[in-house]
C-alpha cells in the first residue's frame, strides 16, 4: 500500500483506501519589512525570490523607511500586474533609485568599489557632506527641500490607483515629532508624503508635515511595527525581513561605527519590545493561563543574513551604486531560497524563530 494513503472500512466490509489530503501549495503570511537605506535592496531580493517561487502569498505588510518603499512598490505591482508585475515594479524602482543617486554627490570612490565593502568612507564628496550635515541642518543645506526620492516614488507608483484597490493591506510607520508616538498610515492614507515620512531621517531631510502633524523616520518607534499585523489581519504567520543586524561581535571603535551601532540598537529596540510581548503571551497560552478569545498565538519567522549585512561598510546605507544594489538583491534572493527550503513546511504550523533566543 502506498505510504501516502490511509486504510478505511467500506460499508460492505471490504477494505478501501482514501488519499491523504495533499499539502497546501500556497500559504498566506504577513510581512514585516525593516528600513535601512540602500540596504533595503536586500529585502528587494528576498521579495523577488518569494514572488518568483509562488508558494507564499501576502495578506498584509507592515513596513518602515526603505521597507515602506519596498512595501508600497510591492503592493502597487501586485495590484496592477500580480506577481510578475510586482517583480517588475520593484526592479524598476531600485534602478531608478540608483539612477537618481548617480546624479548626486554621494558617490563611492574607486577604492570603495575595489574593496567591495561598498562604504563611502573614501569618497571625498561624502566626507564633505558628512561634515556639513553634522554642523548644519537640512533646512540650511537644502532650503528648497529637494528630495529625489519623491520623484522616484511618483514616477513608479500611481497612488490614486493604489488607494482605490490595493492588493494587500499596507501599514507604514512614522514617528510623530510632536508627540513622540508611532503613527501608522493605513492603505487608504498611503501617499508620497506618507512614504517619505516613514523614511525621513532628520539629519538629511526636512520634517514631513501631514495634516498639520510633523513626522520623522518610523524606525525610531517601530522598525517595523508588528501590532498592526496582529490587529489588522487574521493571518497568524509574520515573516520579518531583517536589515539591521541584531548582534555584532566586534566592538565599534570609530565614530561612524559607534553612531551606526547606536542607530542599529535604537532602530531594533521597538521590534524587540514587541517580540517580548508576543513571547510572553505565547507562554501564557502554553500554560493555559490565557484563555480569552481576544488572544491568539502568532507564528514568527525571520529572514536575515547577519553575516553578510554586518560585514558591509557603515556608510554603505547611502550608496546607491547599481552594482552594489544588485549584489544586495542577489544575496537577498539566495537567503530567501534557503529560508524557503528550510521553513516553508512550518508556515501555519509553528514559529521558526526562537523568540527567547533571538530577542530576549
Protein backbone atom coordinates (compact mmCIF):
# COMPACT_ATOMS: atom_id res chain seq x y z
CA UNK A 1 0.00 0.00 0.00
CA UNK A 2 1.29 3.42 -0.85
CA UNK A 3 2.70 5.34 2.10
CA UNK A 4 0.56 8.37 1.43
CA UNK A 5 -2.73 6.51 1.85
CA UNK A 6 -4.77 5.54 4.87
CA UNK A 7 -6.99 2.45 5.20
CA UNK A 8 -10.73 2.91 5.82
CA UNK A 9 -13.60 0.42 6.28
CA UNK A 10 -16.11 0.25 3.43
CA UNK A 11 -19.78 -0.32 4.16
CA UNK A 12 -19.70 -3.91 2.84
CA UNK A 13 -16.72 -4.95 4.91
CA UNK A 14 -14.14 -4.65 2.15
CA UNK A 15 -11.02 -2.57 2.64
CA UNK A 16 -10.85 0.72 0.77
CA UNK A 17 -8.20 3.35 0.56
CA UNK A 18 -8.55 7.10 0.71
CA UNK A 19 -5.76 9.52 -0.22
CA UNK A 20 -4.26 11.72 2.46
CA UNK A 21 -5.23 15.35 1.78
CA UNK A 22 -2.47 16.99 -0.26
CA UNK A 23 -0.24 19.61 1.29
CA UNK A 24 -1.19 23.20 0.60
CA UNK A 25 0.55 24.50 -2.49
CA UNK A 26 0.37 28.10 -1.27
CA UNK A 27 0.44 29.60 2.21
CA UNK A 28 -0.56 33.06 3.36
CA UNK A 29 1.68 35.22 5.54
CA UNK A 30 2.09 38.77 6.73
CA UNK A 31 5.32 40.65 6.07
CA UNK A 32 7.27 42.99 8.33
CA UNK A 33 9.89 44.99 6.43
CA UNK A 34 12.67 46.88 8.20
CA UNK A 35 14.31 50.04 6.96
CA UNK A 36 17.98 50.54 6.25
CA UNK A 37 18.58 52.88 3.33
CA UNK A 38 20.26 51.26 0.34
CA UNK A 39 20.41 48.00 2.30
CA UNK A 40 16.70 47.76 1.55
CA UNK A 41 17.80 46.24 -1.77
CA UNK A 42 18.46 43.06 0.24
CA UNK A 43 14.73 42.95 1.00
CA UNK A 44 14.05 43.58 -2.69
CA UNK A 45 15.93 40.36 -3.42
CA UNK A 46 14.02 38.45 -0.76
CA UNK A 47 10.68 39.68 -2.09
CA UNK A 48 11.72 38.92 -5.67
CA UNK A 49 12.51 35.31 -4.77
CA UNK A 50 9.31 34.82 -2.75
CA UNK A 51 7.27 36.19 -5.64
CA UNK A 52 9.12 34.01 -8.13
CA UNK A 53 8.63 30.88 -6.01
CA UNK A 54 4.88 31.45 -5.84
CA UNK A 55 4.12 29.32 -2.78
CA UNK A 56 3.82 32.26 -0.37
CA UNK A 57 1.02 34.82 -0.62
CA UNK A 58 0.88 38.11 1.28
CA UNK A 59 -2.10 39.31 3.29
CA UNK A 60 -0.69 42.44 4.95
CA UNK A 61 2.61 44.29 5.15
CA UNK A 62 3.88 46.47 7.97
CA UNK A 63 6.95 48.46 7.00
CA UNK A 64 9.23 51.36 7.84
CA UNK A 65 11.58 53.66 5.91
CA UNK A 66 13.19 51.78 2.99
CA UNK A 67 10.88 48.93 3.95
CA UNK A 68 7.93 51.27 3.44
CA UNK A 69 9.16 51.99 -0.08
CA UNK A 70 9.55 48.30 -0.82
CA UNK A 71 6.10 47.61 0.61
CA UNK A 72 4.43 50.37 -1.39
CA UNK A 73 6.02 49.32 -4.68
CA UNK A 74 5.29 45.64 -3.93
CA UNK A 75 1.63 46.45 -3.27
CA UNK A 76 1.34 48.55 -6.40
CA UNK A 77 2.96 45.90 -8.56
CA UNK A 78 0.66 43.19 -7.19
CA UNK A 79 -2.33 45.47 -7.75
CA UNK A 80 -1.65 46.19 -11.41
CA UNK A 81 0.11 43.00 -12.52
CA UNK A 82 0.17 40.22 -9.95
CA UNK A 83 3.43 38.53 -9.01
CA UNK A 84 5.20 39.30 -12.29
CA UNK A 85 4.03 42.89 -12.06
CA UNK A 86 5.39 43.21 -8.52
CA UNK A 87 8.78 41.82 -9.54
CA UNK A 88 8.97 44.20 -12.48
CA UNK A 89 7.95 47.24 -10.43
CA UNK A 90 10.46 46.51 -7.68
CA UNK A 91 13.26 46.17 -10.23
CA UNK A 92 12.18 49.40 -11.90
CA UNK A 93 12.05 51.24 -8.59
CA UNK A 94 15.54 50.23 -7.45
CA UNK A 95 17.04 51.01 -10.84
CA UNK A 96 15.54 54.49 -10.68
CA UNK A 97 16.89 54.88 -7.14
CA UNK A 98 20.34 54.09 -8.49
CA UNK A 99 19.94 56.45 -11.45
CA UNK A 100 18.87 59.26 -9.10
CA UNK A 101 21.79 58.55 -6.78
CA UNK A 102 24.23 58.70 -9.69
CA UNK A 103 23.34 62.37 -10.11
CA UNK A 104 24.07 63.27 -6.51
CA UNK A 105 27.25 63.91 -4.52
CA UNK A 106 27.29 60.60 -2.61
CA UNK A 107 29.46 58.53 -4.92
CA UNK A 108 31.70 55.62 -3.97
CA UNK A 109 35.37 56.05 -4.82
CA UNK A 110 37.29 53.51 -6.90
CA UNK A 111 38.88 52.25 -3.66
CA UNK A 112 35.46 51.71 -2.05
CA UNK A 113 34.37 49.70 -5.07
CA UNK A 114 37.61 47.74 -5.23
CA UNK A 115 37.37 46.62 -1.59
CA UNK A 116 33.70 45.68 -2.16
CA UNK A 117 32.55 46.68 1.30
CA UNK A 118 30.70 49.40 -0.61
CA UNK A 119 31.37 52.03 2.02
CA UNK A 120 31.66 55.69 1.11
CA UNK A 121 34.45 56.20 3.62
CA UNK A 122 36.99 57.02 0.91
CA UNK A 123 34.68 59.31 -1.05
CA UNK A 124 35.74 62.99 -0.75
CA UNK A 125 32.25 64.20 -1.66
CA UNK A 126 30.63 62.02 1.01
CA UNK A 127 33.13 63.03 3.68
CA UNK A 128 32.47 66.70 2.90
CA UNK A 129 28.70 66.10 3.07
CA UNK A 130 29.05 64.16 6.33
CA UNK A 131 30.94 67.00 7.98
CA UNK A 132 28.42 69.59 6.76
CA UNK A 133 25.46 67.53 7.98
CA UNK A 134 26.91 67.50 11.49
CA UNK A 135 27.13 71.29 11.57
CA UNK A 136 24.11 72.36 9.51
CA UNK A 137 20.54 71.17 9.36
CA UNK A 138 18.72 70.05 6.19
CA UNK A 139 16.89 73.38 6.26
CA UNK A 140 20.24 75.14 5.77
CA UNK A 141 21.82 72.63 3.39
CA UNK A 142 18.67 72.12 1.30
CA UNK A 143 16.44 75.17 1.73
CA UNK A 144 14.33 74.26 -1.34
CA UNK A 145 13.58 70.84 0.20
CA UNK A 146 14.53 68.94 -2.94
CA UNK A 147 14.05 65.21 -2.46
CA UNK A 148 14.82 62.86 -5.36
CA UNK A 149 13.02 60.05 -3.55
CA UNK A 150 9.71 61.86 -4.12
CA UNK A 151 10.35 61.99 -7.86
CA UNK A 152 11.17 58.28 -7.97
CA UNK A 153 8.11 57.33 -5.94
CA UNK A 154 5.67 59.36 -8.02
CA UNK A 155 7.25 58.03 -11.23
CA UNK A 156 6.91 54.41 -10.09
CA UNK A 157 3.59 54.38 -8.20
CA UNK A 158 0.12 55.64 -9.13
CA UNK A 159 -1.02 56.39 -5.59
CA UNK A 160 -4.63 57.04 -6.60
CA UNK A 161 -4.76 53.58 -8.19
CA UNK A 162 -3.10 52.05 -5.14
CA UNK A 163 -5.58 53.53 -2.67
CA UNK A 164 -8.55 52.64 -4.89
CA UNK A 165 -7.93 48.89 -4.92
CA UNK A 166 -4.76 47.72 -3.20
CA UNK A 167 -3.99 44.01 -3.48
CA UNK A 168 -2.99 43.78 0.19
CA UNK A 169 -3.19 45.69 3.46
CA UNK A 170 -0.48 48.29 3.97
CA UNK A 171 0.71 49.69 7.31
CA UNK A 172 3.54 52.23 7.12
CA UNK A 173 5.06 53.58 10.35
CA UNK A 174 6.35 57.08 11.01
CA UNK A 175 7.32 58.89 14.21
CA UNK A 176 5.25 61.90 15.28
CA UNK A 177 7.86 64.52 16.20
CA UNK A 178 5.46 66.46 18.41
CA UNK A 179 4.06 63.56 20.49
CA UNK A 180 6.87 61.02 20.20
CA UNK A 181 4.30 58.35 19.28
CA UNK A 182 4.19 55.99 16.34
CA UNK A 183 1.81 56.86 13.52
CA UNK A 184 0.67 54.01 11.31
CA UNK A 185 -0.57 55.06 7.88
CA UNK A 186 -3.06 52.53 6.55
CA UNK A 187 -3.84 51.67 2.94
CA UNK A 188 -6.38 54.42 2.37
CA UNK A 189 -3.91 57.01 3.72
CA UNK A 190 -0.89 55.99 1.63
CA UNK A 191 0.56 58.91 -0.33
CA UNK A 192 4.04 60.03 -1.37
CA UNK A 193 4.19 62.11 1.82
CA UNK A 194 3.28 59.12 3.99
CA UNK A 195 6.05 57.01 2.45
CA UNK A 196 8.57 59.84 2.73
CA UNK A 197 7.54 60.47 6.34
CA UNK A 198 8.28 56.84 7.15
CA UNK A 199 11.82 57.31 5.82
CA UNK A 200 12.53 60.86 6.96
CA UNK A 201 15.95 60.85 8.59
CA UNK A 202 16.01 64.27 10.32
CA UNK A 203 19.71 64.91 9.68
CA UNK A 204 19.18 64.54 5.93
CA UNK A 205 15.58 65.51 5.10
CA UNK A 206 13.11 68.20 6.10
CA UNK A 207 10.42 67.08 8.52
CA UNK A 208 7.39 65.79 6.60
CA UNK A 209 4.16 67.50 7.67
CA UNK A 210 0.87 65.69 7.03
CA UNK A 211 -2.44 67.19 8.16
CA UNK A 212 -0.55 69.61 10.39
CA UNK A 213 1.48 66.92 12.18
CA UNK A 214 5.30 66.63 11.80
CA UNK A 215 6.88 63.22 11.12
CA UNK A 216 10.33 61.66 11.15
CA UNK A 217 11.55 58.18 10.27
CA UNK A 218 9.36 55.40 11.65
CA UNK A 219 12.39 53.42 12.75
CA UNK A 220 12.58 55.41 15.97
CA UNK A 221 9.28 53.93 17.17
CA UNK A 222 8.65 50.85 15.04
CA UNK A 223 11.12 49.14 12.73
CA UNK A 224 8.75 47.73 11.77
CA UNK A 225 5.63 47.81 13.96
CA UNK A 226 4.13 44.34 14.45
CA UNK A 227 0.91 45.29 16.24
CA UNK A 228 -0.92 46.39 13.04
CA UNK A 229 -0.49 42.85 11.71
CA UNK A 230 -1.92 41.36 14.91
CA UNK A 231 -5.00 43.57 14.95
CA UNK A 232 -5.43 44.16 11.22
CA UNK A 233 -5.10 40.65 9.81
CA UNK A 234 -6.42 37.21 10.67
CA UNK A 235 -3.24 35.55 9.40
CA UNK A 236 -1.05 34.32 12.26
CA UNK A 237 2.27 33.97 10.43
CA UNK A 238 4.55 37.03 10.40
CA UNK A 239 7.72 36.94 8.31
CA UNK A 240 10.22 39.61 9.40
CA UNK A 241 12.77 40.75 6.81
CA UNK A 242 15.71 41.95 8.87
CA UNK A 243 18.04 44.63 7.55
CA UNK A 244 19.75 45.87 10.71
CA UNK A 245 21.94 43.27 12.45
CA UNK A 246 20.76 42.36 15.92
CA UNK A 247 24.17 41.10 17.03
CA UNK A 248 27.67 42.42 16.35
CA UNK A 249 30.63 40.59 17.86
CA UNK A 250 33.14 43.37 17.20
CA UNK A 251 33.11 46.41 19.45
CA UNK A 252 32.67 49.60 17.37
CA UNK A 253 35.61 51.96 17.83
CA UNK A 254 35.48 54.63 15.13
CA UNK A 255 32.98 57.49 15.36
CA UNK A 256 30.94 56.26 12.33
CA UNK A 257 30.90 52.69 13.69
CA UNK A 258 29.72 53.88 17.10
CA UNK A 259 26.97 56.02 15.58
CA UNK A 260 25.91 53.18 13.31
CA UNK A 261 25.64 50.72 16.20
CA UNK A 262 23.65 53.24 18.25
CA UNK A 263 21.22 53.53 15.34
CA UNK A 264 21.01 49.75 14.94
CA UNK A 265 20.23 49.25 18.62
CA UNK A 266 17.68 52.05 18.76
CA UNK A 267 16.03 51.01 15.49
CA UNK A 268 15.76 47.40 16.69
CA UNK A 269 14.54 48.26 20.18
CA UNK A 270 10.85 48.68 19.35
CA UNK A 271 10.80 45.38 17.45
CA UNK A 272 12.44 43.62 20.39
CA UNK A 273 9.83 45.03 22.78
CA UNK A 274 7.01 43.69 20.63
CA UNK A 275 8.71 40.31 20.31
CA UNK A 276 8.98 40.12 24.10
CA UNK A 277 5.25 40.80 24.38
CA UNK A 278 4.45 38.12 21.80
CA UNK A 279 6.71 35.64 23.60
CA UNK A 280 5.00 36.45 26.91
CA UNK A 281 1.51 35.94 25.51
CA UNK A 282 2.62 32.69 23.86
CA UNK A 283 3.97 31.41 27.17
CA UNK A 284 0.65 32.20 28.87
CA UNK A 285 -1.21 30.31 26.15
CA UNK A 286 1.15 27.35 26.54
CA UNK A 287 0.45 27.24 30.29
CA UNK A 288 -3.29 27.63 29.65
CA UNK A 289 -3.28 30.77 31.78
CA UNK A 290 -4.77 32.88 29.00
CA UNK A 291 -8.00 31.59 27.55
CA UNK A 292 -9.55 34.76 26.19
CA UNK A 293 -10.73 34.60 22.59
CA UNK A 294 -9.10 38.00 22.12
CA UNK A 295 -5.63 36.46 22.15
CA UNK A 296 -4.07 34.12 19.62
CA UNK A 297 -0.70 32.60 19.01
CA UNK A 298 1.44 34.46 16.49
CA UNK A 299 3.88 32.41 14.45
CA UNK A 300 7.10 34.35 13.91
CA UNK A 301 9.61 33.75 11.12
CA UNK A 302 12.80 35.69 10.32
CA UNK A 303 14.64 36.07 7.04
CA UNK A 304 18.06 37.54 7.72
CA UNK A 305 21.70 37.26 6.73
CA UNK A 306 23.59 38.90 9.56
CA UNK A 307 26.97 37.55 8.45
CA UNK A 308 26.70 39.45 5.19
CA UNK A 309 24.87 42.55 6.40
CA UNK A 310 27.16 43.14 9.39
CA UNK A 311 30.19 42.97 7.09
CA UNK A 312 29.07 45.91 4.98
CA UNK A 313 30.67 49.31 5.37
CA UNK A 314 28.95 51.55 7.90
CA UNK A 315 28.22 54.25 5.33
CA UNK A 316 27.06 51.90 2.58
CA UNK A 317 23.43 52.54 3.51
CA UNK A 318 23.76 55.75 1.49
CA UNK A 319 25.42 54.08 -1.50
CA UNK A 320 23.04 53.70 -4.45
CA UNK A 321 25.64 52.28 -6.86
CA UNK A 322 23.82 49.88 -9.20
CA UNK A 323 26.41 47.11 -8.83
CA UNK A 324 26.02 47.31 -5.03
CA UNK A 325 22.22 47.20 -5.19
CA UNK A 326 22.37 44.20 -7.50
CA UNK A 327 24.71 42.40 -5.11
CA UNK A 328 22.32 43.08 -2.23
CA UNK A 329 19.43 41.80 -4.36
CA UNK A 330 21.29 38.62 -5.24
CA UNK A 331 22.21 37.93 -1.61
CA UNK A 332 18.57 38.53 -0.64
CA UNK A 333 17.41 36.04 -3.27
CA UNK A 334 19.87 33.40 -2.08
CA UNK A 335 18.87 33.96 1.54
CA UNK A 336 15.17 33.64 0.69
CA UNK A 337 15.80 30.42 -1.26
CA UNK A 338 17.49 28.84 1.76
CA UNK A 339 14.71 30.05 4.03
CA UNK A 340 12.03 28.52 1.79
CA UNK A 341 13.86 25.19 1.64
CA UNK A 342 14.21 25.04 5.41
CA UNK A 343 11.00 26.62 6.65
CA UNK A 344 8.14 26.53 4.13
CA UNK A 345 6.54 23.43 5.65
CA UNK A 346 6.45 25.14 9.07
CA UNK A 347 4.35 28.07 7.88
CA UNK A 348 0.94 27.82 9.51
CA UNK A 349 2.22 25.19 11.95
CA UNK A 350 4.85 26.70 14.20
CA UNK A 351 7.29 29.57 14.60
CA UNK A 352 10.68 29.07 13.01
CA UNK A 353 12.26 31.81 15.12
CA UNK A 354 13.02 31.16 18.77
CA UNK A 355 11.92 34.46 20.27
CA UNK A 356 13.61 33.76 23.60
CA UNK A 357 16.94 33.08 21.93
CA UNK A 358 16.82 35.90 19.39
CA UNK A 359 15.09 38.75 21.20
CA UNK A 360 15.13 38.05 24.95
